[in-house]
Amino acid sequence: MFEESRVTRNYRITIPATIRQKLGIRVGDKLIVYTEGDKIILVKKKGDLVSLNLKLGRKFTDEEVNKVIEEAGEEVGGSC
């Protein structure tokens, strides 16, 4: 599915409704943003830190989670 979106003067884009609906993206959801070559990739962040913290018995911050994602991308040769 291909949709077009314009970058505003504040460098914001709108995710088209058809794509938001298909992926279940709602107001307040977080997206992981990274590049692959000349592409910008947006991935809906699954789960939340509250449930992760409860499962593992320790508090994790967004920064800690993002660091792990970044390091995992470097290990497989990707760029997150």
C-alpha atoms as a PDB file:
ATOM      1  CA  MET A   1       0.000   0.000   0.000  1.00  0.00           C
ATOM      2  CA  PHE A   2       1.430   3.371  -1.013  1.00  0.00           C
ATOM      3  CA  GLU A   3       0.171   6.719   0.249  1.00  0.00           C
ATOM      4  CA  GLU A   4       1.601  10.204  -0.096  1.00  0.00           C
ATOM      5  CA  SER A   5       2.194  12.624   2.757  1.00  0.00           C
ATOM      6  CA  ARG A   6       3.679  16.118   2.733  1.00  0.00           C
ATOM      7  CA  VAL A   7       6.349  17.396   5.135  1.00  0.00           C
ATOM      8  CA  THR A   8       5.198  20.633   6.789  1.00  0.00           C
ATOM      9  CA  ARG A   9       7.443  23.600   7.549  1.00  0.00           C
ATOM     10  CA  ASN A  10       7.827  22.176  11.081  1.00  0.00           C
ATOM     11  CA  TYR A  11       9.005  18.843   9.576  1.00  0.00           C
ATOM     12  CA  ARG A  12       5.829  17.036  10.571  1.00  0.00           C
ATOM     13  CA  ILE A  13       4.008  14.477   8.471  1.00  0.00           C
ATOM     14  CA  THR A  14       0.520  13.018   8.705  1.00  0.00           C
ATOM     15  CA  ILE A  15       0.138   9.260   8.574  1.00  0.00           C
ATOM     16  CA  PRO A  16      -2.727   8.630   6.135  1.00  0.00           C
ATOM     17  CA  ALA A  17      -5.959   7.317   7.692  1.00  0.00           C
ATOM     18  CA  THR A  18      -5.887   4.064   5.692  1.00  0.00           C
ATOM     19  CA  ILE A  19      -2.455   3.192   7.105  1.00  0.00           C
ATOM     20  CA  ARG A  20      -3.367   4.266  10.668  1.00  0.00           C
ATOM     21  CA  GLN A  21      -6.457   2.062  10.528  1.00  0.00           C
ATOM     22  CA  LYS A  22      -4.585  -0.911   9.048  1.00  0.00           C
ATOM     23  CA  LEU A  23      -1.917  -0.769  11.778  1.00  0.00           C
ATOM     24  CA  GLY A  24      -4.240   0.264  14.606  1.00  0.00           C
ATOM     25  CA  ILE A  25      -2.304   3.473  15.306  1.00  0.00           C
ATOM     26  CA  ARG A  26      -4.115   5.746  17.756  1.00  0.00           C
ATOM     27  CA  VAL A  27      -3.461   9.101  19.378  1.00  0.00           C
ATOM     28  CA  GLY A  28      -0.722   8.697  21.989  1.00  0.00           C
ATOM     29  CA  ASP A  29       0.830   5.567  20.458  1.00  0.00           C
ATOM     30  CA  LYS A  30       4.596   5.581  20.119  1.00  0.00           C
ATOM     31  CA  LEU A  31       6.411   4.767  16.893  1.00  0.00           C
ATOM     32  CA  ILE A  32       9.977   3.542  16.469  1.00  0.00           C
ATOM     33  CA  VAL A  33      11.682   5.590  13.721  1.00  0.00           C
ATOM     34  CA  TYR A  34      14.853   4.497  11.920  1.00  0.00           C
ATOM     35  CA  THR A  35      16.450   4.490   8.497  1.00  0.00           C
ATOM     36  CA  GLU A  36      17.404   1.772   6.034  1.00  0.00           C
ATOM     37  CA  GLY A  37      19.458   3.258   3.239  1.00  0.00           C
ATOM     38  CA  ASP A  38      17.421   6.161   1.895  1.00  0.00           C
ATOM     39  CA  LYS A  39      14.171   4.979   3.522  1.00  0.00           C
ATOM     40  CA  ILE A  40      12.560   6.210   6.744  1.00  0.00           C
ATOM     41  CA  ILE A  41      10.908   3.323   8.585  1.00  0.00           C
ATOM     42  CA  LEU A  42       8.129   3.820  11.147  1.00  0.00           C
ATOM     43  CA  VAL A  43       7.140   0.847  13.307  1.00  0.00           C
ATOM     44  CA  LYS A  44       4.344   0.888  15.872  1.00  0.00           C
ATOM     45  CA  LYS A  45       5.861   0.249  19.283  1.00  0.00           C
ATOM     46  CA  LYS A  46       4.231  -2.834  20.759  1.00  0.00           C
ATOM     47  CA  GLY A  47       3.613  -3.296  24.444  1.00  0.00           C
ATOM     48  CA  ASP A  48       4.327  -0.742  27.071  1.00  0.00           C
ATOM     49  CA  LEU A  49       6.838  -0.233  29.829  1.00  0.00           C
ATOM     50  CA  VAL A  50       4.266  -0.681  32.581  1.00  0.00           C
ATOM     51  CA  SER A  51       3.580  -4.314  31.652  1.00  0.00           C
ATOM     52  CA  LEU A  52       7.290  -4.951  31.023  1.00  0.00           C
ATOM     53  CA  ASN A  53       8.173  -3.476  34.415  1.00  0.00           C
ATOM     54  CA  LEU A  54       5.577  -5.661  36.132  1.00  0.00           C
ATOM     55  CA  LYS A  55       6.754  -8.826  34.352  1.00  0.00           C
ATOM     56  CA  LEU A  56      10.439  -8.273  35.088  1.00  0.00           C
ATOM     57  CA  GLY A  57      10.079  -6.690  38.511  1.00  0.00           C
ATOM     58  CA  ARG A  58      12.130  -3.599  37.679  1.00  0.00           C
ATOM     59  CA  LYS A  59      11.517  -0.186  36.138  1.00  0.00           C
ATOM     60  CA  PHE A  60      12.796   0.356  32.592  1.00  0.00           C
ATOM     61  CA  THR A  61      12.894   3.780  30.966  1.00  0.00           C
ATOM     62  CA  ASP A  62      12.199   4.572  27.312  1.00  0.00           C
ATOM     63  CA  GLU A  63      15.871   5.520  27.028  1.00  0.00           C
ATOM     64  CA  GLU A  64      17.002   2.075  28.220  1.00  0.00           C
ATOM     65  CA  VAL A  65      14.652   0.330  25.793  1.00  0.00           C
ATOM     66  CA  ASN A  66      15.759   2.552  22.886  1.00  0.00           C
ATOM     67  CA  LYS A  67      19.440   1.871  23.717  1.00  0.00           C
ATOM     68  CA  VAL A  68      18.846  -1.894  23.569  1.00  0.00           C
ATOM     69  CA  ILE A  69      17.036  -1.518  20.222  1.00  0.00           C
ATOM     70  CA  GLU A  70      19.919   0.585  18.870  1.00  0.00           C
ATOM     71  CA  GLU A  71      22.548  -1.910  20.026  1.00  0.00           C
ATOM     72  CA  ALA A  72      20.597  -4.811  18.530  1.00  0.00           C
ATOM     73  CA  GLY A  73      20.479  -3.006  15.192  1.00  0.00           C
ATOM     74  CA  GLU A  74      24.251  -2.450  15.272  1.00  0.00           C
ATOM     75  CA  GLU A  75      24.884  -6.132  16.026  1.00  0.00           C
ATOM     76  CA  VAL A  76      22.970  -7.255  12.929  1.00  0.00           C
ATOM     77  CA  GLY A  77      24.504  -4.576  10.736  1.00  0.00           C
ATOM     78  CA  GLY A  78      21.403  -2.413  10.548  1.00  0.00           C
ATOM     79  CA  SER A  79      20.909   1.200  11.398  1.00  0.00           C
ATOM     80  CA  CYS A  80      18.213   1.836  13.991  1.00  0.00           C
END
